[in-house]
PDB file of N, CA and C in Angstrom:
ATOM      1  N   MET A   1     -14.130  -9.240  10.375  1.00  0.00           N
ATOM      2  CA  MET A   1     -14.167 -10.647  10.654  1.00  0.00           C
ATOM      3  C   MET A   1     -15.221 -11.329   9.788  1.00  0.00           C
ATOM      4  N   LEU A   2     -16.328 -10.645   9.564  1.00  0.00           N
ATOM      5  CA  LEU A   2     -17.389 -11.205   8.729  1.00  0.00           C
ATOM      6  C   LEU A   2     -16.857 -11.531   7.336  1.00  0.00           C
ATOM      7  N   LEU A   3     -16.022 -10.667   6.788  1.00  0.00           N
ATOM      8  CA  LEU A   3     -15.463 -10.894   5.458  1.00  0.00           C
ATOM      9  C   LEU A   3     -14.497 -12.082   5.455  1.00  0.00           C
ATOM     10  N   GLU A   4     -13.781 -12.277   6.557  1.00  0.00           N
ATOM     11  CA  GLU A   4     -12.901 -13.441   6.660  1.00  0.00           C
ATOM     12  C   GLU A   4     -13.722 -14.728   6.694  1.00  0.00           C
ATOM     13  N   ILE A   5     -14.810 -14.713   7.421  1.00  0.00           N
ATOM     14  CA  ILE A   5     -15.666 -15.899   7.519  1.00  0.00           C
ATOM     15  C   ILE A   5     -16.271 -16.234   6.166  1.00  0.00           C
ATOM     16  N   ILE A   6     -16.816 -15.235   5.495  1.00  0.00           N
ATOM     17  CA  ILE A   6     -17.468 -15.474   4.209  1.00  0.00           C
ATOM     18  C   ILE A   6     -16.480 -15.972   3.164  1.00  0.00           C
ATOM     19  N   SER A   7     -15.295 -15.382   3.147  1.00  0.00           N
ATOM     20  CA  SER A   7     -14.315 -15.748   2.114  1.00  0.00           C
ATOM     21  C   SER A   7     -13.533 -17.013   2.457  1.00  0.00           C
ATOM     22  N   GLY A   8     -13.497 -17.351   3.734  1.00  0.00           N
ATOM     23  CA  GLY A   8     -12.700 -18.501   4.144  1.00  0.00           C
ATOM     24  C   GLY A   8     -11.206 -18.194   4.114  1.00  0.00           C
ATOM     25  N   LYS A   9     -10.874 -16.906   4.044  1.00  0.00           N
ATOM     26  CA  LYS A   9      -9.470 -16.479   3.999  1.00  0.00           C
ATOM     27  C   LYS A   9      -9.209 -15.533   5.169  1.00  0.00           C
ATOM     28  N   ARG A  10      -7.947 -15.506   5.580  1.00  0.00           N
ATOM     29  CA  ARG A  10      -7.550 -14.576   6.633  1.00  0.00           C
ATOM     30  C   ARG A  10      -6.728 -13.460   6.003  1.00  0.00           C
ATOM     31  N   ASN A  11      -6.862 -12.265   6.537  1.00  0.00           N
ATOM     32  CA  ASN A  11      -6.098 -11.145   5.998  1.00  0.00           C
ATOM     33  C   ASN A  11      -4.601 -11.435   6.064  1.00  0.00           C
ATOM     34  N   ILE A  12      -4.185 -12.124   7.101  1.00  0.00           N
ATOM     35  CA  ILE A  12      -2.762 -12.439   7.267  1.00  0.00           C
ATOM     36  C   ILE A  12      -2.239 -13.323   6.133  1.00  0.00           C
ATOM     37  N   ASP A  13      -3.123 -14.077   5.492  1.00  0.00           N
ATOM     38  CA  ASP A  13      -2.719 -14.922   4.372  1.00  0.00           C
ATOM     39  C   ASP A  13      -2.215 -14.107   3.187  1.00  0.00           C
ATOM     40  N   PHE A  14      -2.563 -12.837   3.138  1.00  0.00           N
ATOM     41  CA  PHE A  14      -2.168 -11.974   2.034  1.00  0.00           C
ATOM     42  C   PHE A  14      -0.826 -11.284   2.293  1.00  0.00           C
ATOM     43  N   LEU A  15      -0.285 -11.390   3.502  1.00  0.00           N
ATOM     44  CA  LEU A  15       0.948 -10.692   3.849  1.00  0.00           C
ATOM     45  C   LEU A  15       2.154 -11.154   3.047  1.00  0.00           C
ATOM     46  N   HIS A  16       2.184 -12.421   2.671  1.00  0.00           N
ATOM     47  CA  HIS A  16       3.338 -12.938   1.935  1.00  0.00           C
ATOM     48  C   HIS A  16       3.325 -12.550   0.456  1.00  0.00           C
ATOM     49  N   LEU A  17       2.201 -12.004  -0.015  1.00  0.00           N
ATOM     50  CA  LEU A  17       2.115 -11.587  -1.409  1.00  0.00           C
ATOM     51  C   LEU A  17       2.867 -10.274  -1.601  1.00  0.00           C
ATOM     52  N   ASN A  18       3.581 -10.145  -2.670  1.00  0.00           N
ATOM     53  CA  ASN A  18       4.376  -8.948  -2.913  1.00  0.00           C
ATOM     54  C   ASN A  18       3.634  -7.900  -3.727  1.00  0.00           C
ATOM     55  N   ASP A  19       2.394  -8.148  -4.063  1.00  0.00           N
ATOM     56  CA  ASP A  19       1.660  -7.194  -4.893  1.00  0.00           C
ATOM     57  C   ASP A  19       0.910  -6.141  -4.069  1.00  0.00           C
ATOM     58  N   GLY A  20       1.037  -6.175  -2.757  1.00  0.00           N
ATOM     59  CA  GLY A  20       0.402  -5.186  -1.891  1.00  0.00           C
ATOM     60  C   GLY A  20      -1.074  -5.428  -1.656  1.00  0.00           C
ATOM     61  N   SER A  21      -1.595  -6.558  -2.107  1.00  0.00           N
ATOM     62  CA  SER A  21      -3.019  -6.818  -1.925  1.00  0.00           C
ATOM     63  C   SER A  21      -3.303  -7.259  -0.489  1.00  0.00           C
ATOM     64  N   THR A  22      -4.525  -7.029  -0.084  1.00  0.00           N
ATOM     65  CA  THR A  22      -5.020  -7.451   1.224  1.00  0.00           C
ATOM     66  C   THR A  22      -6.330  -8.187   0.994  1.00  0.00           C
ATOM     67  N   LEU A  23      -6.830  -8.805   2.016  1.00  0.00           N
ATOM     68  CA  LEU A  23      -8.131  -9.455   1.902  1.00  0.00           C
ATOM     69  C   LEU A  23      -9.180  -8.425   1.502  1.00  0.00           C
ATOM     70  N   LEU A  24      -9.116  -7.256   2.102  1.00  0.00           N
ATOM     71  CA  LEU A  24     -10.094  -6.220   1.810  1.00  0.00           C
ATOM     72  C   LEU A  24     -10.024  -5.772   0.350  1.00  0.00           C
ATOM     73  N   SER A  25      -8.830  -5.564  -0.170  1.00  0.00           N
ATOM     74  CA  SER A  25      -8.724  -5.149  -1.573  1.00  0.00           C
ATOM     75  C   SER A  25      -9.185  -6.268  -2.502  1.00  0.00           C
ATOM     76  N   TYR A  26      -8.897  -7.509  -2.151  1.00  0.00           N
ATOM     77  CA  TYR A  26      -9.343  -8.676  -2.928  1.00  0.00           C
ATOM     78  C   TYR A  26     -10.878  -8.709  -2.993  1.00  0.00           C
ATOM     79  N   ILE A  27     -11.512  -8.544  -1.844  1.00  0.00           N
ATOM     80  CA  ILE A  27     -12.973  -8.581  -1.790  1.00  0.00           C
ATOM     81  C   ILE A  27     -13.568  -7.380  -2.514  1.00  0.00           C
ATOM     82  N   TRP A  28     -13.015  -6.187  -2.259  1.00  0.00           N
ATOM     83  CA  TRP A  28     -13.552  -4.986  -2.896  1.00  0.00           C
ATOM     84  C   TRP A  28     -13.443  -5.078  -4.418  1.00  0.00           C
ATOM     85  N   ASN A  29     -12.326  -5.550  -4.933  1.00  0.00           N
ATOM     86  CA  ASN A  29     -12.155  -5.665  -6.386  1.00  0.00           C
ATOM     87  C   ASN A  29     -13.225  -6.571  -6.997  1.00  0.00           C
ATOM     88  N   HIS A  30     -13.506  -7.687  -6.352  1.00  0.00           N
ATOM     89  CA  HIS A  30     -14.543  -8.583  -6.868  1.00  0.00           C
ATOM     90  C   HIS A  30     -15.930  -7.945  -6.739  1.00  0.00           C
ATOM     91  N   TRP A  31     -16.195  -7.338  -5.590  1.00  0.00           N
ATOM     92  CA  TRP A  31     -17.502  -6.718  -5.342  1.00  0.00           C
ATOM     93  C   TRP A  31     -17.765  -5.600  -6.355  1.00  0.00           C
ATOM     94  N   SER A  32     -16.800  -4.719  -6.532  1.00  0.00           N
ATOM     95  CA  SER A  32     -16.996  -3.556  -7.400  1.00  0.00           C
ATOM     96  C   SER A  32     -17.135  -3.949  -8.873  1.00  0.00           C
ATOM     97  N   GLN A  33     -16.659  -5.128  -9.233  1.00  0.00           N
ATOM     98  CA  GLN A  33     -16.793  -5.616 -10.604  1.00  0.00           C
ATOM     99  C   GLN A  33     -18.043  -6.481 -10.784  1.00  0.00           C
ATOM    100  N   GLY A  34     -18.845  -6.588  -9.725  1.00  0.00           N
ATOM    101  CA  GLY A  34     -20.075  -7.378  -9.803  1.00  0.00           C
ATOM    102  C   GLY A  34     -19.860  -8.870  -9.662  1.00  0.00           C
ATOM    103  N   ASN A  35     -18.695  -9.257  -9.121  1.00  0.00           N
ATOM    104  CA  ASN A  35     -18.362 -10.675  -8.960  1.00  0.00           C
ATOM    105  C   ASN A  35     -18.261 -11.063  -7.486  1.00  0.00           C
ATOM    106  N   GLY A  36     -19.160 -10.547  -6.671  1.00  0.00           N
ATOM    107  CA  GLY A  36     -19.099 -10.783  -5.235  1.00  0.00           C
ATOM    108  C   GLY A  36     -19.122 -12.233  -4.820  1.00  0.00           C
ATOM    109  N   LEU A  37     -19.803 -13.069  -5.560  1.00  0.00           N
ATOM    110  CA  LEU A  37     -19.885 -14.486  -5.186  1.00  0.00           C
ATOM    111  C   LEU A  37     -18.570 -15.228  -5.402  1.00  0.00           C
ATOM    112  N   GLU A  38     -17.673 -14.672  -6.195  1.00  0.00           N
ATOM    113  CA  GLU A  38     -16.393 -15.336  -6.435  1.00  0.00           C
ATOM    114  C   GLU A  38     -15.495 -15.371  -5.206  1.00  0.00           C
ATOM    115  N   ILE A  39     -15.756 -14.507  -4.230  1.00  0.00           N
ATOM    116  CA  ILE A  39     -14.911 -14.482  -3.020  1.00  0.00           C
ATOM    117  C   ILE A  39     -15.416 -15.431  -1.949  1.00  0.00           C
ATOM    118  N   VAL A  40     -16.597 -15.993  -2.131  1.00  0.00           N
ATOM    119  CA  VAL A  40     -17.229 -16.811  -1.095  1.00  0.00           C
ATOM    120  C   VAL A  40     -16.568 -18.184  -1.002  1.00  0.00           C
ATOM    121  N   ASP A  41     -16.288 -18.583   0.233  1.00  0.00           N
ATOM    122  CA  ASP A  41     -15.738 -19.904   0.518  1.00  0.00           C
ATOM    123  C   ASP A  41     -16.673 -20.956  -0.084  1.00  0.00           C
ATOM    124  N   PRO A  42     -16.128 -21.904  -0.840  1.00  0.00           N
ATOM    125  CA  PRO A  42     -16.975 -22.939  -1.453  1.00  0.00           C
ATOM    126  C   PRO A  42     -17.843 -23.690  -0.449  1.00  0.00           C
ATOM    127  N   ALA A  43     -17.358 -23.870   0.764  1.00  0.00           N
ATOM    128  CA  ALA A  43     -18.154 -24.579   1.770  1.00  0.00           C
ATOM    129  C   ALA A  43     -19.428 -23.808   2.104  1.00  0.00           C
ATOM    130  N   ILE A  44     -19.334 -22.494   2.123  1.00  0.00           N
ATOM    131  CA  ILE A  44     -20.520 -21.675   2.395  1.00  0.00           C
ATOM    132  C   ILE A  44     -21.416 -21.649   1.173  1.00  0.00           C
ATOM    133  N   LYS A  45     -20.813 -21.462   0.017  1.00  0.00           N
ATOM    134  CA  LYS A  45     -21.586 -21.382  -1.226  1.00  0.00           C
ATOM    135  C   LYS A  45     -22.356 -22.673  -1.473  1.00  0.00           C
ATOM    136  N   ASP A  46     -21.720 -23.817  -1.204  1.00  0.00           N
ATOM    137  CA  ASP A  46     -22.357 -25.109  -1.439  1.00  0.00           C
ATOM    138  C   ASP A  46     -23.458 -25.423  -0.429  1.00  0.00           C
ATOM    139  N   SER A  47     -23.334 -24.875   0.785  1.00  0.00           N
ATOM    140  CA  SER A  47     -24.316 -25.193   1.822  1.00  0.00           C
ATOM    141  C   SER A  47     -25.461 -24.185   1.890  1.00  0.00           C
ATOM    142  N   SER A  48     -25.361 -23.105   1.148  1.00  0.00           N
ATOM    143  CA  SER A  48     -26.409 -22.083   1.192  1.00  0.00           C
ATOM    144  C   SER A  48     -27.257 -22.145  -0.066  1.00  0.00           C
ATOM    145  N   SER A  49     -28.537 -21.938   0.123  1.00  0.00           N
ATOM    146  CA  SER A  49     -29.430 -21.945  -1.036  1.00  0.00           C
ATOM    147  C   SER A  49     -29.676 -20.534  -1.554  1.00  0.00           C
ATOM    148  N   SER A  50     -29.148 -19.536  -0.852  1.00  0.00           N
ATOM    149  CA  SER A  50     -29.440 -18.167  -1.239  1.00  0.00           C
ATOM    150  C   SER A  50     -28.183 -17.342  -1.504  1.00  0.00           C
ATOM    151  N   SER A  51     -27.918 -17.096  -2.759  1.00  0.00           N
ATOM    152  CA  SER A  51     -26.806 -16.229  -3.136  1.00  0.00           C
ATOM    153  C   SER A  51     -27.050 -14.807  -2.647  1.00  0.00           C
ATOM    154  N   GLN A  52     -28.319 -14.405  -2.616  1.00  0.00           N
ATOM    155  CA  GLN A  52     -28.663 -13.049  -2.175  1.00  0.00           C
ATOM    156  C   GLN A  52     -28.284 -12.831  -0.708  1.00  0.00           C
ATOM    157  N   GLN A  53     -28.510 -13.831   0.133  1.00  0.00           N
ATOM    158  CA  GLN A  53     -28.144 -13.709   1.546  1.00  0.00           C
ATOM    159  C   GLN A  53     -26.634 -13.598   1.707  1.00  0.00           C
ATOM    160  N   ILE A  54     -25.899 -14.357   0.926  1.00  0.00           N
ATOM    161  CA  ILE A  54     -24.434 -14.304   0.985  1.00  0.00           C
ATOM    162  C   ILE A  54     -23.946 -12.925   0.559  1.00  0.00           C
ATOM    163  N   LEU A  55     -24.465 -12.442  -0.557  1.00  0.00           N
ATOM    164  CA  LEU A  55     -24.057 -11.124  -1.042  1.00  0.00           C
ATOM    165  C   LEU A  55     -24.447 -10.017  -0.058  1.00  0.00           C
ATOM    166  N   ARG A  56     -25.562 -10.193   0.610  1.00  0.00           N
ATOM    167  CA  ARG A  56     -25.991  -9.229   1.628  1.00  0.00           C
ATOM    168  C   ARG A  56     -24.966  -9.172   2.767  1.00  0.00           C
ATOM    169  N   CYS A  57     -24.470 -10.324   3.178  1.00  0.00           N
ATOM    170  CA  CYS A  57     -23.455 -10.364   4.237  1.00  0.00           C
ATOM    171  C   CYS A  57     -22.145  -9.718   3.777  1.00  0.00           C
ATOM    172  N   VAL A  58     -21.771  -9.942   2.528  1.00  0.00           N
ATOM    173  CA  VAL A  58     -20.567  -9.297   1.991  1.00  0.00           C
ATOM    174  C   VAL A  58     -20.758  -7.784   2.008  1.00  0.00           C
ATOM    175  N   GLN A  59     -21.924  -7.330   1.579  1.00  0.00           N
ATOM    176  CA  GLN A  59     -22.214  -5.893   1.545  1.00  0.00           C
ATOM    177  C   GLN A  59     -22.165  -5.295   2.952  1.00  0.00           C
ATOM    178  N   ILE A  60     -22.715  -5.982   3.925  1.00  0.00           N
ATOM    179  CA  ILE A  60     -22.677  -5.509   5.316  1.00  0.00           C
ATOM    180  C   ILE A  60     -21.227  -5.452   5.799  1.00  0.00           C
ATOM    181  N   GLY A  61     -20.446  -6.476   5.488  1.00  0.00           N
ATOM    182  CA  GLY A  61     -19.038  -6.485   5.869  1.00  0.00           C
ATOM    183  C   GLY A  61     -18.286  -5.313   5.265  1.00  0.00           C
ATOM    184  N   LEU A  62     -18.568  -5.003   4.011  1.00  0.00           N
ATOM    185  CA  LEU A  62     -17.908  -3.864   3.360  1.00  0.00           C
ATOM    186  C   LEU A  62     -18.362  -2.538   3.966  1.00  0.00           C
ATOM    187  N   MET A  63     -19.599  -2.456   4.396  1.00  0.00           N
ATOM    188  CA  MET A  63     -20.074  -1.234   5.057  1.00  0.00           C
ATOM    189  C   MET A  63     -19.320  -0.998   6.372  1.00  0.00           C
ATOM    190  N   CYS A  64     -18.932  -2.060   7.034  1.00  0.00           N
ATOM    191  CA  CYS A  64     -18.252  -1.951   8.334  1.00  0.00           C
ATOM    192  C   CYS A  64     -16.799  -1.501   8.218  1.00  0.00           C
ATOM    193  N   VAL A  65     -16.248  -1.483   7.015  1.00  0.00           N
ATOM    194  CA  VAL A  65     -14.853  -1.084   6.838  1.00  0.00           C
ATOM    195  C   VAL A  65     -14.726   0.164   5.968  1.00  0.00           C
ATOM    196  N   GLN A  66     -15.756   1.001   5.988  1.00  0.00           N
ATOM    197  CA  GLN A  66     -15.707   2.237   5.226  1.00  0.00           C
ATOM    198  C   GLN A  66     -14.619   3.159   5.767  1.00  0.00           C
ATOM    199  N   GLU A  67     -14.086   3.996   4.901  1.00  0.00           N
ATOM    200  CA  GLU A  67     -12.990   4.888   5.267  1.00  0.00           C
ATOM    201  C   GLU A  67     -13.371   5.833   6.406  1.00  0.00           C
ATOM    202  N   LEU A  68     -14.495   6.486   6.295  1.00  0.00           N
ATOM    203  CA  LEU A  68     -14.910   7.456   7.307  1.00  0.00           C
ATOM    204  C   LEU A  68     -15.791   6.785   8.358  1.00  0.00           C
ATOM    205  N   PRO A  69     -15.484   7.001   9.620  1.00  0.00           N
ATOM    206  CA  PRO A  69     -16.284   6.369  10.680  1.00  0.00           C
ATOM    207  C   PRO A  69     -17.774   6.668  10.572  1.00  0.00           C
ATOM    208  N   GLU A  70     -18.126   7.866  10.142  1.00  0.00           N
ATOM    209  CA  GLU A  70     -19.552   8.206  10.046  1.00  0.00           C
ATOM    210  C   GLU A  70     -20.261   7.454   8.912  1.00  0.00           C
ATOM    211  N   ASP A  71     -19.506   6.852   8.011  1.00  0.00           N
ATOM    212  CA  ASP A  71     -20.098   6.050   6.940  1.00  0.00           C
ATOM    213  C   ASP A  71     -20.321   4.597   7.359  1.00  0.00           C
ATOM    214  N   ARG A  72     -19.747   4.206   8.489  1.00  0.00           N
ATOM    215  CA  ARG A  72     -19.882   2.830   8.972  1.00  0.00           C
ATOM    216  C   ARG A  72     -21.140   2.689   9.823  1.00  0.00           C
ATOM    217  N   PRO A  73     -21.814   1.560   9.720  1.00  0.00           N
ATOM    218  CA  PRO A  73     -23.007   1.359  10.555  1.00  0.00           C
ATOM    219  C   PRO A  73     -22.626   1.088  12.005  1.00  0.00           C
ATOM    220  N   THR A  74     -23.542   1.406  12.898  1.00  0.00           N
ATOM    221  CA  THR A  74     -23.346   1.044  14.298  1.00  0.00           C
ATOM    222  C   THR A  74     -23.594  -0.453  14.442  1.00  0.00           C
ATOM    223  N   MET A  75     -23.173  -1.024  15.542  1.00  0.00           N
ATOM    224  CA  MET A  75     -23.384  -2.460  15.744  1.00  0.00           C
ATOM    225  C   MET A  75     -24.873  -2.793  15.807  1.00  0.00           C
ATOM    226  N   SER A  76     -25.682  -1.906  16.375  1.00  0.00           N
ATOM    227  CA  SER A  76     -27.122  -2.181  16.399  1.00  0.00           C
ATOM    228  C   SER A  76     -27.688  -2.176  14.977  1.00  0.00           C
ATOM    229  N   SER A  77     -27.176  -1.296  14.113  1.00  0.00           N
ATOM    230  CA  SER A  77     -27.611  -1.285  12.711  1.00  0.00           C
ATOM    231  C   SER A  77     -27.176  -2.558  11.996  1.00  0.00           C
ATOM    232  N   VAL A  78     -25.968  -3.025  12.298  1.00  0.00           N
ATOM    233  CA  VAL A  78     -25.476  -4.272  11.691  1.00  0.00           C
ATOM    234  C   VAL A  78     -26.400  -5.419  12.099  1.00  0.00           C
ATOM    235  N   GLY A  79     -26.764  -5.460  13.367  1.00  0.00           N
ATOM    236  CA  GLY A  79     -27.680  -6.505  13.842  1.00  0.00           C
ATOM    237  C   GLY A  79     -29.009  -6.466  13.107  1.00  0.00           C
ATOM    238  N   LEU A  80     -29.539  -5.259  12.903  1.00  0.00           N
ATOM    239  CA  LEU A  80     -30.799  -5.130  12.170  1.00  0.00           C
ATOM    240  C   LEU A  80     -30.645  -5.571  10.717  1.00  0.00           C
ATOM    241  N   MET A  81     -29.544  -5.163  10.084  1.00  0.00           N
ATOM    242  CA  MET A  81     -29.324  -5.533   8.681  1.00  0.00           C
ATOM    243  C   MET A  81     -29.177  -7.041   8.528  1.00  0.00           C
ATOM    244  N   LEU A  82     -28.497  -7.676   9.482  1.00  0.00           N
ATOM    245  CA  LEU A  82     -28.319  -9.124   9.411  1.00  0.00           C
ATOM    246  C   LEU A  82     -29.623  -9.867   9.715  1.00  0.00           C
ATOM    247  N   GLY A  83     -30.427  -9.292  10.597  1.00  0.00           N
ATOM    248  CA  GLY A  83     -31.642  -9.970  11.041  1.00  0.00           C
ATOM    249  C   GLY A  83     -32.864  -9.754  10.178  1.00  0.00           C
ATOM    250  N   ARG A  84     -32.864  -8.672   9.414  1.00  0.00           N
ATOM    251  CA  ARG A  84     -34.036  -8.349   8.596  1.00  0.00           C
ATOM    252  C   ARG A  84     -33.635  -8.257   7.134  1.00  0.00           C
ATOM    253  N   GLU A  85     -34.167  -9.141   6.360  1.00  0.00           N
ATOM    254  CA  GLU A  85     -33.841  -9.125   4.932  1.00  0.00           C
ATOM    255  C   GLU A  85     -34.417  -7.915   4.226  1.00  0.00           C
ATOM    256  N   THR A  86     -35.414  -7.270   4.834  1.00  0.00           N
ATOM    257  CA  THR A  86     -36.022  -6.107   4.203  1.00  0.00           C
ATOM    258  C   THR A  86     -35.284  -4.818   4.549  1.00  0.00           C
ATOM    259  N   GLU A  87     -34.395  -4.874   5.524  1.00  0.00           N
ATOM    260  CA  GLU A  87     -33.625  -3.691   5.922  1.00  0.00           C
ATOM    261  C   GLU A  87     -32.730  -3.249   4.765  1.00  0.00           C
ATOM    262  N   ALA A  88     -32.876  -2.001   4.361  1.00  0.00           N
ATOM    263  CA  ALA A  88     -32.076  -1.476   3.246  1.00  0.00           C
ATOM    264  C   ALA A  88     -30.626  -1.290   3.674  1.00  0.00           C
ATOM    265  N   ILE A  89     -29.718  -1.644   2.777  1.00  0.00           N
ATOM    266  CA  ILE A  89     -28.287  -1.491   3.038  1.00  0.00           C
ATOM    267  C   ILE A  89     -27.726  -0.548   1.975  1.00  0.00           C
ATOM    268  N   PRO A  90     -27.074   0.523   2.405  1.00  0.00           N
ATOM    269  CA  PRO A  90     -26.479   1.420   1.410  1.00  0.00           C
ATOM    270  C   PRO A  90     -25.351   0.717   0.646  1.00  0.00           C
ATOM    271  N   GLN A  91     -25.090   1.183  -0.550  1.00  0.00           N
ATOM    272  CA  GLN A  91     -23.967   0.645  -1.308  1.00  0.00           C
ATOM    273  C   GLN A  91     -22.671   1.130  -0.666  1.00  0.00           C
ATOM    274  N   PRO A  92     -21.731   0.224  -0.420  1.00  0.00           N
ATOM    275  CA  PRO A  92     -20.467   0.645   0.192  1.00  0.00           C
ATOM    276  C   PRO A  92     -19.616   1.451  -0.784  1.00  0.00           C
ATOM    277  N   LYS A  93     -18.821   2.343  -0.214  1.00  0.00           N
ATOM    278  CA  LYS A  93     -17.828   3.084  -0.988  1.00  0.00           C
ATOM    279  C   LYS A  93     -16.531   2.292  -0.923  1.00  0.00           C
ATOM    280  N   SER A  94     -15.592   2.675  -1.735  1.00  0.00           N
ATOM    281  CA  SER A  94     -14.299   2.002  -1.733  1.00  0.00           C
ATOM    282  C   SER A  94     -13.625   2.156  -0.378  1.00  0.00           C
ATOM    283  N   PRO A  95     -13.236   1.041   0.252  1.00  0.00           N
ATOM    284  CA  PRO A  95     -12.547   1.126   1.540  1.00  0.00           C
ATOM    285  C   PRO A  95     -11.144   1.713   1.381  1.00  0.00           C
ATOM    286  N   VAL A  96     -10.584   2.202   2.465  1.00  0.00           N
ATOM    287  CA  VAL A  96      -9.255   2.818   2.479  1.00  0.00           C
ATOM    288  C   VAL A  96      -8.182   1.922   1.887  1.00  0.00           C
ATOM    289  N   GLU A  97      -8.176   0.663   2.244  1.00  0.00           N
ATOM    290  CA  GLU A  97      -7.075  -0.229   1.865  1.00  0.00           C
ATOM    291  C   GLU A  97      -6.951  -0.490   0.383  1.00  0.00           C
ATOM    292  N   THR A  98      -7.964  -0.164  -0.394  1.00  0.00           N
ATOM    293  CA  THR A  98      -7.879  -0.452  -1.816  1.00  0.00           C
ATOM    294  C   THR A  98      -7.004   0.558  -2.540  1.00  0.00           C
ATOM    295  N   GLY A  99      -6.629   1.632  -1.842  1.00  0.00           N
ATOM    296  CA  GLY A  99      -5.729   2.614  -2.430  1.00  0.00           C
ATOM    297  C   GLY A  99      -6.410   3.591  -3.348  1.00  0.00           C
ATOM    298  N   SER A 100      -7.728   3.546  -3.461  1.00  0.00           N
ATOM    299  CA  SER A 100      -8.402   4.443  -4.382  1.00  0.00           C
ATOM    300  C   SER A 100      -8.880   5.719  -3.721  1.00  0.00           C
ATOM    301  N   SER A 101      -8.627   5.880  -2.434  1.00  0.00           N
ATOM    302  CA  SER A 101      -9.051   7.109  -1.778  1.00  0.00           C
ATOM    303  C   SER A 101      -7.857   7.994  -1.496  1.00  0.00           C
ATOM    304  N   SER A 102      -8.082   9.283  -1.548  1.00  0.00           N
ATOM    305  CA  SER A 102      -6.978  10.215  -1.305  1.00  0.00           C
ATOM    306  C   SER A 102      -6.546  10.164   0.151  1.00  0.00           C
ATOM    307  N   ARG A 103      -7.495   9.982   1.056  1.00  0.00           N
ATOM    308  CA  ARG A 103      -7.138   9.913   2.469  1.00  0.00           C
ATOM    309  C   ARG A 103      -6.255   8.703   2.739  1.00  0.00           C
ATOM    310  N   GLY A 104      -6.583   7.565   2.126  1.00  0.00           N
ATOM    311  CA  GLY A 104      -5.782   6.359   2.298  1.00  0.00           C
ATOM    312  C   GLY A 104      -4.373   6.555   1.778  1.00  0.00           C
ATOM    313  N   GLN A 105      -4.237   7.258   0.652  1.00  0.00           N
ATOM    314  CA  GLN A 105      -2.912   7.502   0.106  1.00  0.00           C
ATOM    315  C   GLN A 105      -2.123   8.427   1.018  1.00  0.00           C
ATOM    316  N   GLN A 106      -2.771   9.443   1.576  1.00  0.00           N
ATOM    317  CA  GLN A 106      -2.087  10.355   2.483  1.00  0.00           C
ATOM    318  C   GLN A 106      -1.599   9.609   3.716  1.00  0.00           C
ATOM    319  N   GLU A 107      -2.434   8.724   4.246  1.00  0.00           N
ATOM    320  CA  GLU A 107      -2.031   7.982   5.430  1.00  0.00           C
ATOM    321  C   GLU A 107      -0.880   7.051   5.116  1.00  0.00           C
ATOM    322  N   SER A 108      -0.911   6.415   3.944  1.00  0.00           N
ATOM    323  CA  SER A 108       0.173   5.520   3.567  1.00  0.00           C
ATOM    324  C   SER A 108       1.478   6.286   3.422  1.00  0.00           C
ATOM    325  N   GLU A 109       1.410   7.477   2.838  1.00  0.00           N
ATOM    326  CA  GLU A 109       2.614   8.276   2.656  1.00  0.00           C
ATOM    327  C   GLU A 109       3.154   8.767   3.998  1.00  0.00           C
ATOM    328  N   SER A 110       2.259   8.988   4.964  1.00  0.00           N
ATOM    329  CA  SER A 110       2.707   9.484   6.258  1.00  0.00           C
ATOM    330  C   SER A 110       3.207   8.368   7.161  1.00  0.00           C
ATOM    331  N   GLY A 111       3.053   7.123   6.723  1.00  0.00           N
ATOM    332  CA  GLY A 111       3.528   5.999   7.513  1.00  0.00           C
ATOM    333  C   GLY A 111       2.463   5.359   8.377  1.00  0.00           C
ATOM    334  N   THR A 112       1.259   5.913   8.405  1.00  0.00           N
ATOM    335  CA  THR A 112       0.171   5.317   9.163  1.00  0.00           C
ATOM    336  C   THR A 112      -0.369   4.129   8.387  1.00  0.00           C
ATOM    337  N   ILE A 113      -0.650   3.059   9.059  1.00  0.00           N
ATOM    338  CA  ILE A 113      -1.180   1.873   8.397  1.00  0.00           C
ATOM    339  C   ILE A 113      -2.691   2.017   8.321  1.00  0.00           C
ATOM    340  N   PRO A 114      -3.255   2.167   7.092  1.00  0.00           N
ATOM    341  CA  PRO A 114      -4.691   2.386   6.966  1.00  0.00           C
ATOM    342  C   PRO A 114      -5.542   1.315   7.621  1.00  0.00           C
ATOM    343  N   SER A 115      -5.170   0.045   7.549  1.00  0.00           N
ATOM    344  CA  SER A 115      -6.011  -0.991   8.131  1.00  0.00           C
ATOM    345  C   SER A 115      -6.124  -0.840   9.643  1.00  0.00           C
ATOM    346  N   MET A 116      -5.080  -0.393  10.277  1.00  0.00           N
ATOM    347  CA  MET A 116      -5.124  -0.162  11.710  1.00  0.00           C
ATOM    348  C   MET A 116      -5.999   1.049  12.007  1.00  0.00           C
ATOM    349  N   THR A 117      -5.913   2.074  11.196  1.00  0.00           N
ATOM    350  CA  THR A 117      -6.703   3.279  11.388  1.00  0.00           C
ATOM    351  C   THR A 117      -8.189   2.965  11.286  1.00  0.00           C
ATOM    352  N   LEU A 118      -8.558   2.081  10.364  1.00  0.00           N
ATOM    353  CA  LEU A 118      -9.957   1.726  10.192  1.00  0.00           C
ATOM    354  C   LEU A 118     -10.567   1.231  11.495  1.00  0.00           C
ATOM    355  N   PHE A 119      -9.864   0.370  12.181  1.00  0.00           N
ATOM    356  CA  PHE A 119     -10.442  -0.255  13.363  1.00  0.00           C
ATOM    357  C   PHE A 119     -10.254   0.587  14.621  1.00  0.00           C
ATOM    358  N   ILE A 120      -9.216   1.365  14.701  1.00  0.00           N
ATOM    359  CA  ILE A 120      -9.024   2.216  15.867  1.00  0.00           C
ATOM    360  C   ILE A 120     -10.042   3.333  15.874  1.00  0.00           C
ATOM    361  N   GLU A 121     -10.364   3.881  14.713  1.00  0.00           N
ATOM    362  CA  GLU A 121     -11.327   4.972  14.620  1.00  0.00           C
ATOM    363  C   GLU A 121     -12.769   4.483  14.707  1.00  0.00           C
ATOM    364  N   GLY A 122     -12.987   3.187  14.575  1.00  0.00           N
ATOM    365  CA  GLY A 122     -14.341   2.628  14.518  1.00  0.00           C
ATOM    366  C   GLY A 122     -15.146   2.885  15.770  1.00  0.00           C
ATOM    367  N   ARG A 123     -16.476   2.716  15.616  1.00  0.00           N
ATOM    368  CA  ARG A 123     -17.377   2.923  16.758  1.00  0.00           C
ATOM    369  C   ARG A 123     -17.457   1.666  17.581  1.00  0.00           C
TER     370      ARG A 123
END
């Protein structure tokens, strides 16, 4: 949800696209190329004086959708990361939905929807 708020887009908005992209893959592609600010809703970008705070929120959002549940932060950790600018945040790995993980490909081939698996397995 944090990624939807920051981007000003809903994941459902990507369903009509035929290229298989999702909000998560859109955000990850920009983040991994060093263009994280390009996904930010202009209303947020224009009203915030700190690009670093925005990018920190994107990074936290990406940490919450990691492929393996043990790689995702707990909600108390998310609260600390959001509340303390000095709290270190690990670099996120590629989320399942981007198709770059072998586990995500296996789930897609088996008919399991990776985006649903992400949230059902979550803490």
